[in-house]
Amino acid sequence: MHLYESTRELAENLDRAMQTRAVIEQAKGILMSQRRCNAAEAFQLLATASRRSNRKLRDIAQAVVDGASRTRAARPSRLDDVPDVSPAGRARRCRSRTGGTPGGAGPCASPCS
């Protein structure tokens, strides 16, 4: 019976992992659409929100998916405090901090994080 139980537990864990993966991929797609970022940046947004809120990444992803299904145009409030890590978002933060450039005119050439 021990083999049966361990096999059943393994199957349940694999099923749960596949469901979690699907939700995370859906959330990444939503963020990519909303924030105009790539898959790696969308995952970074989820990971950052997970760390900041001390919640599991899959729970953050589920909140993004739930928020998008409730209101397609609205961004989930749990991610509003997560910085936009896309290149355009970094450029906006850089311009807002420096007034354009370190010298004050033209586009900023300094690397922003």
N, C-alpha and C. Protein backbone atom coordinates (compact mmCIF):
# COMPACT_ATOMS: atom_id res chain seq x y z
N MET A 1 0.81 -1.20 0.00
CA MET A 1 0.00 0.00 0.00
C MET A 1 0.86 1.27 0.00
N HIS A 2 2.04 1.21 0.54
CA HIS A 2 2.89 2.39 0.60
C HIS A 2 3.21 2.92 -0.80
N LEU A 3 3.47 2.04 -1.75
CA LEU A 3 3.77 2.44 -3.12
C LEU A 3 2.57 3.14 -3.74
N TYR A 4 1.38 2.62 -3.49
CA TYR A 4 0.16 3.23 -4.01
C TYR A 4 0.00 4.66 -3.47
N GLU A 5 0.20 4.83 -2.17
CA GLU A 5 0.04 6.15 -1.55
C GLU A 5 1.06 7.14 -2.08
N SER A 6 2.29 6.71 -2.22
CA SER A 6 3.32 7.63 -2.72
C SER A 6 3.07 7.99 -4.18
N THR A 7 2.59 7.04 -4.96
CA THR A 7 2.27 7.30 -6.37
C THR A 7 1.09 8.27 -6.47
N ARG A 8 0.08 8.08 -5.64
CA ARG A 8 -1.08 8.97 -5.62
C ARG A 8 -0.67 10.38 -5.22
N GLU A 9 0.20 10.48 -4.21
CA GLU A 9 0.68 11.78 -3.75
C GLU A 9 1.50 12.47 -4.85
N LEU A 10 2.32 11.73 -5.54
CA LEU A 10 3.11 12.28 -6.64
C LEU A 10 2.19 12.81 -7.74
N ALA A 11 1.17 12.04 -8.09
CA ALA A 11 0.22 12.47 -9.12
C ALA A 11 -0.51 13.74 -8.71
N GLU A 12 -0.89 13.84 -7.44
CA GLU A 12 -1.57 15.04 -6.95
C GLU A 12 -0.64 16.24 -7.00
N ASN A 13 0.61 16.05 -6.60
CA ASN A 13 1.58 17.15 -6.64
C ASN A 13 1.84 17.62 -8.07
N LEU A 14 1.94 16.69 -9.01
CA LEU A 14 2.15 17.06 -10.41
C LEU A 14 0.95 17.82 -10.96
N ASP A 15 -0.24 17.38 -10.60
CA ASP A 15 -1.46 18.06 -11.04
C ASP A 15 -1.50 19.48 -10.49
N ARG A 16 -1.19 19.63 -9.21
CA ARG A 16 -1.19 20.96 -8.59
C ARG A 16 -0.13 21.85 -9.24
N ALA A 17 1.02 21.30 -9.55
CA ALA A 17 2.10 22.07 -10.20
C ALA A 17 1.67 22.53 -11.60
N MET A 18 0.99 21.67 -12.34
CA MET A 18 0.53 22.06 -13.68
C MET A 18 -0.52 23.16 -13.59
N GLN A 19 -1.42 23.08 -12.63
CA GLN A 19 -2.43 24.12 -12.46
C GLN A 19 -1.79 25.45 -12.08
N THR A 20 -0.82 25.40 -11.17
CA THR A 20 -0.11 26.60 -10.74
C THR A 20 0.62 27.22 -11.92
N ARG A 21 1.27 26.41 -12.71
CA ARG A 21 2.01 26.90 -13.87
C ARG A 21 1.08 27.61 -14.84
N ALA A 22 -0.10 27.05 -15.05
CA ALA A 22 -1.07 27.65 -15.97
C ALA A 22 -1.50 29.03 -15.47
N VAL A 23 -1.76 29.15 -14.19
CA VAL A 23 -2.19 30.44 -13.62
C VAL A 23 -1.06 31.47 -13.73
N ILE A 24 0.17 31.06 -13.46
CA ILE A 24 1.30 31.98 -13.56
C ILE A 24 1.48 32.44 -15.00
N GLU A 25 1.35 31.54 -15.96
CA GLU A 25 1.48 31.92 -17.37
C GLU A 25 0.36 32.87 -17.78
N GLN A 26 -0.86 32.64 -17.29
CA GLN A 26 -1.97 33.55 -17.59
C GLN A 26 -1.68 34.94 -17.03
N ALA A 27 -1.21 34.99 -15.79
CA ALA A 27 -0.90 36.27 -15.16
C ALA A 27 0.21 36.99 -15.92
N LYS A 28 1.23 36.25 -16.35
CA LYS A 28 2.31 36.86 -17.13
C LYS A 28 1.75 37.47 -18.41
N GLY A 29 0.86 36.75 -19.07
CA GLY A 29 0.24 37.27 -20.30
C GLY A 29 -0.55 38.54 -20.05
N ILE A 30 -1.29 38.57 -18.96
CA ILE A 30 -2.06 39.77 -18.61
C ILE A 30 -1.12 40.94 -18.36
N LEU A 31 -0.07 40.71 -17.58
CA LEU A 31 0.89 41.78 -17.29
C LEU A 31 1.62 42.24 -18.54
N MET A 32 1.96 41.31 -19.41
CA MET A 32 2.64 41.67 -20.65
C MET A 32 1.75 42.59 -21.49
N SER A 33 0.47 42.31 -21.50
CA SER A 33 -0.48 43.13 -22.24
C SER A 33 -0.67 44.50 -21.59
N GLN A 34 -0.84 44.51 -20.28
CA GLN A 34 -1.09 45.77 -19.57
C GLN A 34 0.14 46.66 -19.51
N ARG A 35 1.28 46.07 -19.23
CA ARG A 35 2.50 46.85 -18.99
C ARG A 35 3.40 46.95 -20.22
N ARG A 36 3.02 46.27 -21.30
CA ARG A 36 3.83 46.26 -22.52
C ARG A 36 5.27 45.84 -22.22
N CYS A 37 5.40 44.70 -21.54
CA CYS A 37 6.73 44.20 -21.18
C CYS A 37 6.87 42.78 -21.71
N ASN A 38 8.07 42.21 -21.59
CA ASN A 38 8.27 40.85 -22.07
C ASN A 38 7.98 39.85 -20.94
N ALA A 39 8.11 38.56 -21.24
CA ALA A 39 7.75 37.51 -20.27
C ALA A 39 8.63 37.55 -19.03
N ALA A 40 9.92 37.80 -19.21
CA ALA A 40 10.83 37.85 -18.06
C ALA A 40 10.48 39.02 -17.14
N GLU A 41 10.15 40.17 -17.72
CA GLU A 41 9.78 41.33 -16.92
C GLU A 41 8.45 41.10 -16.20
N ALA A 42 7.51 40.43 -16.87
CA ALA A 42 6.23 40.12 -16.23
C ALA A 42 6.43 39.18 -15.05
N PHE A 43 7.29 38.19 -15.22
CA PHE A 43 7.57 37.28 -14.10
C PHE A 43 8.25 38.04 -12.96
N GLN A 44 9.13 38.96 -13.30
CA GLN A 44 9.80 39.76 -12.27
C GLN A 44 8.79 40.60 -11.49
N LEU A 45 7.79 41.13 -12.17
CA LEU A 45 6.73 41.88 -11.48
C LEU A 45 6.02 40.98 -10.47
N LEU A 46 5.69 39.77 -10.89
CA LEU A 46 5.02 38.83 -9.99
C LEU A 46 5.90 38.47 -8.81
N ALA A 47 7.17 38.20 -9.09
CA ALA A 47 8.10 37.82 -8.02
C ALA A 47 8.29 38.96 -7.02
N THR A 48 8.38 40.19 -7.54
CA THR A 48 8.55 41.35 -6.67
C THR A 48 7.32 41.54 -5.78
N ALA A 49 6.14 41.42 -6.38
CA ALA A 49 4.91 41.55 -5.60
C ALA A 49 4.81 40.45 -4.55
N SER A 50 5.27 39.26 -4.89
CA SER A 50 5.26 38.14 -3.96
C SER A 50 6.16 38.42 -2.75
N ARG A 51 7.36 38.89 -3.04
CA ARG A 51 8.30 39.20 -1.95
C ARG A 51 7.79 40.34 -1.08
N ARG A 52 7.30 41.40 -1.70
CA ARG A 52 6.84 42.57 -0.94
C ARG A 52 5.64 42.26 -0.06
N SER A 53 4.76 41.40 -0.54
CA SER A 53 3.54 41.11 0.22
C SER A 53 3.68 39.86 1.08
N ASN A 54 4.82 39.18 0.96
CA ASN A 54 5.07 37.94 1.71
C ASN A 54 3.97 36.91 1.44
N ARG A 55 3.62 36.79 0.15
CA ARG A 55 2.63 35.82 -0.29
C ARG A 55 3.25 34.95 -1.37
N LYS A 56 2.69 33.77 -1.55
CA LYS A 56 3.19 32.87 -2.59
C LYS A 56 2.94 33.47 -3.96
N LEU A 57 3.88 33.23 -4.87
CA LEU A 57 3.78 33.76 -6.21
C LEU A 57 2.50 33.28 -6.89
N ARG A 58 2.14 32.04 -6.67
CA ARG A 58 0.92 31.52 -7.31
C ARG A 58 -0.32 32.25 -6.82
N ASP A 59 -0.32 32.72 -5.56
CA ASP A 59 -1.46 33.48 -5.04
C ASP A 59 -1.52 34.86 -5.67
N ILE A 60 -0.37 35.48 -5.87
CA ILE A 60 -0.31 36.78 -6.55
C ILE A 60 -0.81 36.61 -7.99
N ALA A 61 -0.34 35.56 -8.66
CA ALA A 61 -0.76 35.30 -10.04
C ALA A 61 -2.26 35.09 -10.12
N GLN A 62 -2.81 34.36 -9.16
CA GLN A 62 -4.26 34.13 -9.15
C GLN A 62 -5.01 35.44 -8.96
N ALA A 63 -4.50 36.33 -8.12
CA ALA A 63 -5.13 37.63 -7.91
C ALA A 63 -5.12 38.47 -9.19
N VAL A 64 -4.02 38.38 -9.95
CA VAL A 64 -3.94 39.11 -11.22
C VAL A 64 -4.99 38.57 -12.19
N VAL A 65 -5.07 37.25 -12.29
CA VAL A 65 -6.04 36.62 -13.20
C VAL A 65 -7.46 36.96 -12.76
N ASP A 66 -7.73 36.86 -11.47
CA ASP A 66 -9.06 37.18 -10.96
C ASP A 66 -9.41 38.64 -11.22
N GLY A 67 -8.44 39.53 -11.00
CA GLY A 67 -8.68 40.95 -11.24
C GLY A 67 -8.95 41.25 -12.70
N ALA A 68 -8.25 40.57 -13.58
CA ALA A 68 -8.45 40.79 -15.02
C ALA A 68 -9.80 40.25 -15.47
N SER A 69 -10.24 39.16 -14.87
CA SER A 69 -11.53 38.61 -15.28
C SER A 69 -12.69 39.43 -14.73
N ARG A 70 -12.50 40.10 -13.57
CA ARG A 70 -13.55 40.97 -13.03
C ARG A 70 -13.67 42.26 -13.84
N THR A 71 -12.54 42.89 -14.09
CA THR A 71 -12.52 44.15 -14.82
C THR A 71 -11.38 44.10 -15.80
N ARG A 72 -11.67 43.93 -17.05
CA ARG A 72 -10.61 43.73 -18.04
C ARG A 72 -9.70 44.95 -18.17
N ALA A 73 -10.21 46.14 -18.01
CA ALA A 73 -9.39 47.33 -18.22
C ALA A 73 -8.63 47.76 -16.97
N ALA A 74 -9.04 47.29 -15.80
CA ALA A 74 -8.41 47.76 -14.55
C ALA A 74 -7.22 46.90 -14.19
N ARG A 75 -6.18 47.52 -13.70
CA ARG A 75 -5.00 46.82 -13.22
C ARG A 75 -5.27 46.38 -11.78
N PRO A 76 -4.93 45.13 -11.41
CA PRO A 76 -5.15 44.70 -10.02
C PRO A 76 -4.42 45.59 -9.03
N SER A 77 -5.11 45.98 -7.97
CA SER A 77 -4.54 46.93 -7.02
C SER A 77 -3.32 46.36 -6.30
N ARG A 78 -3.18 45.06 -6.18
CA ARG A 78 -2.04 44.48 -5.48
C ARG A 78 -0.72 44.74 -6.20
N LEU A 79 -0.79 45.04 -7.49
CA LEU A 79 0.43 45.27 -8.25
C LEU A 79 0.69 46.75 -8.50
N ASP A 80 -0.19 47.63 -8.01
CA ASP A 80 -0.01 49.05 -8.27
C ASP A 80 1.28 49.59 -7.67
N ASP A 81 1.76 49.00 -6.57
CA ASP A 81 2.98 49.51 -5.95
C ASP A 81 4.24 48.84 -6.49
N VAL A 82 4.08 47.93 -7.44
CA VAL A 82 5.24 47.26 -8.03
C VAL A 82 5.77 48.13 -9.16
N PRO A 83 7.06 48.45 -9.16
CA PRO A 83 7.60 49.32 -10.20
C PRO A 83 7.52 48.66 -11.57
N ASP A 84 7.30 49.45 -12.57
CA ASP A 84 7.27 48.99 -13.95
C ASP A 84 8.71 48.74 -14.38
N VAL A 85 9.08 47.47 -14.61
CA VAL A 85 10.47 47.13 -14.94
C VAL A 85 10.73 47.07 -16.43
N SER A 86 9.72 47.42 -17.24
CA SER A 86 9.93 47.43 -18.68
C SER A 86 10.89 48.56 -19.04
N PRO A 87 11.51 48.51 -20.21
CA PRO A 87 12.42 49.60 -20.60
C PRO A 87 11.71 50.96 -20.58
N ALA A 88 10.47 51.01 -21.02
CA ALA A 88 9.74 52.28 -21.01
C ALA A 88 9.51 52.75 -19.58
N GLY A 89 9.21 51.84 -18.68
CA GLY A 89 9.00 52.19 -17.27
C GLY A 89 10.27 52.71 -16.63
N ARG A 90 11.39 52.06 -16.94
CA ARG A 90 12.67 52.53 -16.40
C ARG A 90 12.98 53.93 -16.91
N ALA A 91 12.69 54.16 -18.19
CA ALA A 91 12.95 55.49 -18.76
C ALA A 91 12.07 56.55 -18.11
N ARG A 92 10.79 56.22 -17.86
CA ARG A 92 9.90 57.18 -17.19
C ARG A 92 10.41 57.52 -15.80
N ARG A 93 10.84 56.49 -15.04
CA ARG A 93 11.35 56.74 -13.68
C ARG A 93 12.61 57.59 -13.74
N CYS A 94 13.46 57.31 -14.70
CA CYS A 94 14.71 58.04 -14.83
C CYS A 94 14.41 59.51 -15.13
N ARG A 95 13.54 59.77 -16.09
CA ARG A 95 13.20 61.15 -16.44
C ARG A 95 12.53 61.87 -15.28
N SER A 96 11.69 61.16 -14.54
CA SER A 96 11.00 61.81 -13.43
C SER A 96 11.97 62.13 -12.30
N ARG A 97 13.02 61.33 -12.12
CA ARG A 97 13.99 61.58 -11.06
C ARG A 97 15.00 62.65 -11.44
N THR A 98 15.34 62.72 -12.72
CA THR A 98 16.45 63.58 -13.12
C THR A 98 16.02 64.80 -13.91
N GLY A 99 14.73 64.88 -14.26
CA GLY A 99 14.30 66.00 -15.09
C GLY A 99 14.77 65.85 -16.53
N GLY A 100 15.00 64.66 -16.99
CA GLY A 100 15.43 64.40 -18.36
C GLY A 100 16.77 63.73 -18.39
N THR A 101 17.78 64.41 -17.93
CA THR A 101 19.13 63.85 -17.89
C THR A 101 19.80 64.32 -16.62
N PRO A 102 20.93 63.74 -16.30
CA PRO A 102 21.67 64.25 -15.16
C PRO A 102 21.98 65.74 -15.30
N GLY A 103 22.13 66.23 -16.53
CA GLY A 103 22.38 67.65 -16.77
C GLY A 103 21.09 68.45 -16.92
N GLY A 104 19.97 67.76 -17.12
CA GLY A 104 18.68 68.43 -17.19
C GLY A 104 18.13 68.62 -18.60
N ALA A 105 18.83 68.22 -19.67
CA ALA A 105 18.32 68.39 -21.02
C ALA A 105 18.51 67.12 -21.81
N GLY A 106 17.53 66.78 -22.62
CA GLY A 106 17.64 65.61 -23.49
C GLY A 106 17.38 64.31 -22.77
N PRO A 107 17.43 63.21 -23.52
CA PRO A 107 17.16 61.91 -22.90
C PRO A 107 18.28 61.49 -21.95
N CYS A 108 17.90 60.79 -20.92
CA CYS A 108 18.85 60.35 -19.90
C CYS A 108 19.68 59.18 -20.42
N ALA A 109 20.97 59.23 -20.26
CA ALA A 109 21.84 58.16 -20.71
C ALA A 109 22.31 57.28 -19.56
N SER A 110 21.96 57.65 -18.34
CA SER A 110 22.42 56.85 -17.20
C SER A 110 21.57 55.61 -17.04
N PRO A 111 22.17 54.48 -16.63
CA PRO A 111 21.39 53.25 -16.46
C PRO A 111 20.51 53.34 -15.21
N CYS A 112 19.23 53.14 -15.40
CA CYS A 112 18.29 53.17 -14.27
C CYS A 112 17.92 51.74 -13.91
N SER A 113 17.68 51.52 -12.64
CA SER A 113 17.26 50.18 -12.23
C SER A 113 15.80 50.19 -11.92
